[in-house]
Amino acid sequence: MVTKATRVLGMMVVSRASAAFRGFLAGEAPTVEQPDVDGRLRIMNQPSVGRIMVLDRITMSPVALTRSLPDGTWRVEGLDMGRKYLVIGLDDRGLQNAAIQDWISPAPMV
């Protein structure tokens, strides 16, 4: 797999993901349909800019690295739907410890 840098929704994503794969992971803001679901990167409980690392859960190989937008949203596309991932949100200012989500399955891109 080749490493590439692309822009997704205005964010730079450095990724080993492939266009052949149709899964994605994202930190999205709550919606009317899901008001309790908030996947944005938050620092001191405020949506913030920070680094998002996506690792293959089995091999622990880095798959993608991106930064969230100021509203905390982020997105990584081209992920294998048959794999599980480890997602780490990092506060580069050092105000808060990393947030980690484990055994994450990508959603299908539509």
C-alpha atoms as a PDB file:
ATOM      1  CA  MET A   1       0.000   0.000   0.000  1.00  0.00           C
ATOM      2  CA  VAL A   2       1.335   3.443  -0.897  1.00  0.00           C
ATOM      3  CA  THR A   3       1.327   6.387   1.487  1.00  0.00           C
ATOM      4  CA  LYS A   4      -0.379   9.473   0.091  1.00  0.00           C
ATOM      5  CA  ALA A   5      -1.483  12.901   1.235  1.00  0.00           C
ATOM      6  CA  THR A   6      -4.950  14.096   0.228  1.00  0.00           C
ATOM      7  CA  ARG A   7      -7.493  16.708   1.265  1.00  0.00           C
ATOM      8  CA  VAL A   8     -10.784  15.423   2.706  1.00  0.00           C
ATOM      9  CA  LEU A   9     -13.405  18.009   3.688  1.00  0.00           C
ATOM     10  CA  GLY A  10     -10.693  20.670   3.895  1.00  0.00           C
ATOM     11  CA  MET A  11      -8.408  18.557   6.126  1.00  0.00           C
ATOM     12  CA  MET A  12      -5.038  17.175   5.073  1.00  0.00           C
ATOM     13  CA  VAL A  13      -4.935  13.398   5.535  1.00  0.00           C
ATOM     14  CA  VAL A  14      -1.728  11.392   5.285  1.00  0.00           C
ATOM     15  CA  SER A  15      -2.883   7.877   4.675  1.00  0.00           C
ATOM     16  CA  ARG A  16      -1.930   4.350   3.701  1.00  0.00           C
ATOM     17  CA  ALA A  17      -5.611   3.708   2.983  1.00  0.00           C
ATOM     18  CA  SER A  18      -6.631   2.656  -0.518  1.00  0.00           C
ATOM     19  CA  ALA A  19      -9.242   3.957  -2.938  1.00  0.00           C
ATOM     20  CA  ALA A  20     -10.147   0.292  -3.465  1.00  0.00           C
ATOM     21  CA  PHE A  21     -11.579   0.180   0.064  1.00  0.00           C
ATOM     22  CA  ARG A  22     -14.924   1.849   0.741  1.00  0.00           C
ATOM     23  CA  GLY A  23     -14.923   2.377   4.516  1.00  0.00           C
ATOM     24  CA  PHE A  24     -14.457   5.557   6.528  1.00  0.00           C
ATOM     25  CA  LEU A  25     -14.050   6.745  10.092  1.00  0.00           C
ATOM     26  CA  ALA A  26     -15.114  10.209  11.150  1.00  0.00           C
ATOM     27  CA  GLY A  27     -15.577  12.390  14.173  1.00  0.00           C
ATOM     28  CA  GLU A  28     -18.853  14.097  13.403  1.00  0.00           C
ATOM     29  CA  ALA A  29     -20.978  16.589  15.302  1.00  0.00           C
ATOM     30  CA  PRO A  30     -24.333  15.526  16.782  1.00  0.00           C
ATOM     31  CA  THR A  31     -27.287  15.550  14.391  1.00  0.00           C
ATOM     32  CA  VAL A  32     -31.040  15.889  14.848  1.00  0.00           C
ATOM     33  CA  GLU A  33     -31.328  12.115  14.303  1.00  0.00           C
ATOM     34  CA  GLN A  34     -28.518  11.315  16.788  1.00  0.00           C
ATOM     35  CA  PRO A  35     -28.271  14.197  19.275  1.00  0.00           C
ATOM     36  CA  ASP A  36     -26.289  12.124  21.814  1.00  0.00           C
ATOM     37  CA  VAL A  37     -23.595  10.964  19.357  1.00  0.00           C
ATOM     38  CA  ASP A  38     -20.612  13.327  19.316  1.00  0.00           C
ATOM     39  CA  GLY A  39     -17.407  11.993  17.732  1.00  0.00           C
ATOM     40  CA  ARG A  40     -15.570  15.299  17.501  1.00  0.00           C
ATOM     41  CA  LEU A  41     -12.119  15.791  18.986  1.00  0.00           C
ATOM     42  CA  ARG A  42     -12.613  17.671  22.237  1.00  0.00           C
ATOM     43  CA  ILE A  43     -10.040  19.264  24.530  1.00  0.00           C
ATOM     44  CA  MET A  44     -11.200  20.371  27.972  1.00  0.00           C
ATOM     45  CA  ASN A  45     -14.706  19.423  26.748  1.00  0.00           C
ATOM     46  CA  GLN A  46     -14.577  21.920  23.849  1.00  0.00           C
ATOM     47  CA  PRO A  47     -14.409  20.913  20.156  1.00  0.00           C
ATOM     48  CA  SER A  48     -10.794  21.590  19.148  1.00  0.00           C
ATOM     49  CA  VAL A  49      -7.973  21.136  16.675  1.00  0.00           C
ATOM     50  CA  GLY A  50      -5.754  18.121  17.314  1.00  0.00           C
ATOM     51  CA  ARG A  51      -4.119  15.122  15.673  1.00  0.00           C
ATOM     52  CA  ILE A  52      -6.027  11.948  14.871  1.00  0.00           C
ATOM     53  CA  MET A  53      -4.049   8.744  14.354  1.00  0.00           C
ATOM     54  CA  VAL A  54      -5.665   5.615  12.900  1.00  0.00           C
ATOM     55  CA  LEU A  55      -3.844   2.310  13.430  1.00  0.00           C
ATOM     56  CA  ASP A  56      -4.659  -1.174  12.127  1.00  0.00           C
ATOM     57  CA  ARG A  57      -5.806  -2.942  15.320  1.00  0.00           C
ATOM     58  CA  ILE A  58      -4.161  -6.289  14.558  1.00  0.00           C
ATOM     59  CA  THR A  59      -0.775  -5.166  13.211  1.00  0.00           C
ATOM     60  CA  MET A  60      -0.674  -1.777  15.000  1.00  0.00           C
ATOM     61  CA  SER A  61       0.574  -0.319  11.700  1.00  0.00           C
ATOM     62  CA  PRO A  62      -0.240   3.362  11.127  1.00  0.00           C
ATOM     63  CA  VAL A  63      -2.997   3.735   8.527  1.00  0.00           C
ATOM     64  CA  ALA A  64      -3.735   7.473   8.601  1.00  0.00           C
ATOM     65  CA  LEU A  65      -2.821  10.704  10.339  1.00  0.00           C
ATOM     66  CA  THR A  66      -4.958  13.840  10.107  1.00  0.00           C
ATOM     67  CA  ARG A  67      -5.874  16.960  12.047  1.00  0.00           C
ATOM     68  CA  SER A  68      -9.354  17.875  13.136  1.00  0.00           C
ATOM     69  CA  LEU A  69     -10.907  21.120  12.022  1.00  0.00           C
ATOM     70  CA  PRO A  70     -11.515  23.906  14.600  1.00  0.00           C
ATOM     71  CA  ASP A  71     -15.016  22.461  15.202  1.00  0.00           C
ATOM     72  CA  GLY A  72     -13.405  19.102  16.148  1.00  0.00           C
ATOM     73  CA  THR A  73     -14.662  17.194  13.100  1.00  0.00           C
ATOM     74  CA  TRP A  74     -12.394  14.872  11.129  1.00  0.00           C
ATOM     75  CA  ARG A  75     -12.634  12.112   8.497  1.00  0.00           C
ATOM     76  CA  VAL A  76     -10.435   9.316   7.092  1.00  0.00           C
ATOM     77  CA  GLU A  77     -11.613   7.480   3.964  1.00  0.00           C
ATOM     78  CA  GLY A  78     -10.469   4.412   2.023  1.00  0.00           C
ATOM     79  CA  LEU A  79     -10.458   1.960   4.926  1.00  0.00           C
ATOM     80  CA  ASP A  80     -10.899  -1.803   4.652  1.00  0.00           C
ATOM     81  CA  MET A  81     -14.377  -2.662   5.978  1.00  0.00           C
ATOM     82  CA  GLY A  82     -13.102  -6.090   7.082  1.00  0.00           C
ATOM     83  CA  ARG A  83     -10.555  -4.663   9.528  1.00  0.00           C
ATOM     84  CA  LYS A  84     -10.781  -3.125  12.994  1.00  0.00           C
ATOM     85  CA  TYR A  85      -8.957   0.064  13.898  1.00  0.00           C
ATOM     86  CA  LEU A  86      -7.520   1.879  16.913  1.00  0.00           C
ATOM     87  CA  VAL A  87      -8.200   5.638  16.834  1.00  0.00           C
ATOM     88  CA  ILE A  88      -6.152   8.042  18.961  1.00  0.00           C
ATOM     89  CA  GLY A  89      -7.012  11.712  19.425  1.00  0.00           C
ATOM     90  CA  LEU A  90      -4.045  13.805  20.580  1.00  0.00           C
ATOM     91  CA  ASP A  91      -3.948  17.228  22.210  1.00  0.00           C
ATOM     92  CA  ASP A  92      -0.762  18.825  20.875  1.00  0.00           C
ATOM     93  CA  ARG A  93      -0.973  21.597  23.501  1.00  0.00           C
ATOM     94  CA  GLY A  94      -0.642  19.106  26.347  1.00  0.00           C
ATOM     95  CA  LEU A  95      -3.792  20.182  28.186  1.00  0.00           C
ATOM     96  CA  GLN A  96      -5.393  16.742  28.138  1.00  0.00           C
ATOM     97  CA  ASN A  97      -4.302  13.105  27.793  1.00  0.00           C
ATOM     98  CA  ALA A  98      -4.939  11.271  24.532  1.00  0.00           C
ATOM     99  CA  ALA A  99      -8.398   9.812  23.926  1.00  0.00           C
ATOM    100  CA  ILE A 100      -8.388   6.279  22.517  1.00  0.00           C
ATOM    101  CA  GLN A 101     -11.169   4.295  20.876  1.00  0.00           C
ATOM    102  CA  ASP A 102     -10.412   0.608  20.308  1.00  0.00           C
ATOM    103  CA  TRP A 103     -11.779  -2.107  17.983  1.00  0.00           C
ATOM    104  CA  ILE A 104     -13.514   0.434  15.718  1.00  0.00           C
ATOM    105  CA  SER A 105     -15.220  -0.732  12.515  1.00  0.00           C
ATOM    106  CA  PRO A 106     -15.399   1.674   9.569  1.00  0.00           C
ATOM    107  CA  ALA A 107     -18.751   2.741   8.144  1.00  0.00           C
ATOM    108  CA  PRO A 108     -19.462   2.279   4.412  1.00  0.00           C
ATOM    109  CA  MET A 109     -19.053   5.339   2.196  1.00  0.00           C
ATOM    110  CA  VAL A 110     -22.237   6.119   0.247  1.00  0.00           C
END
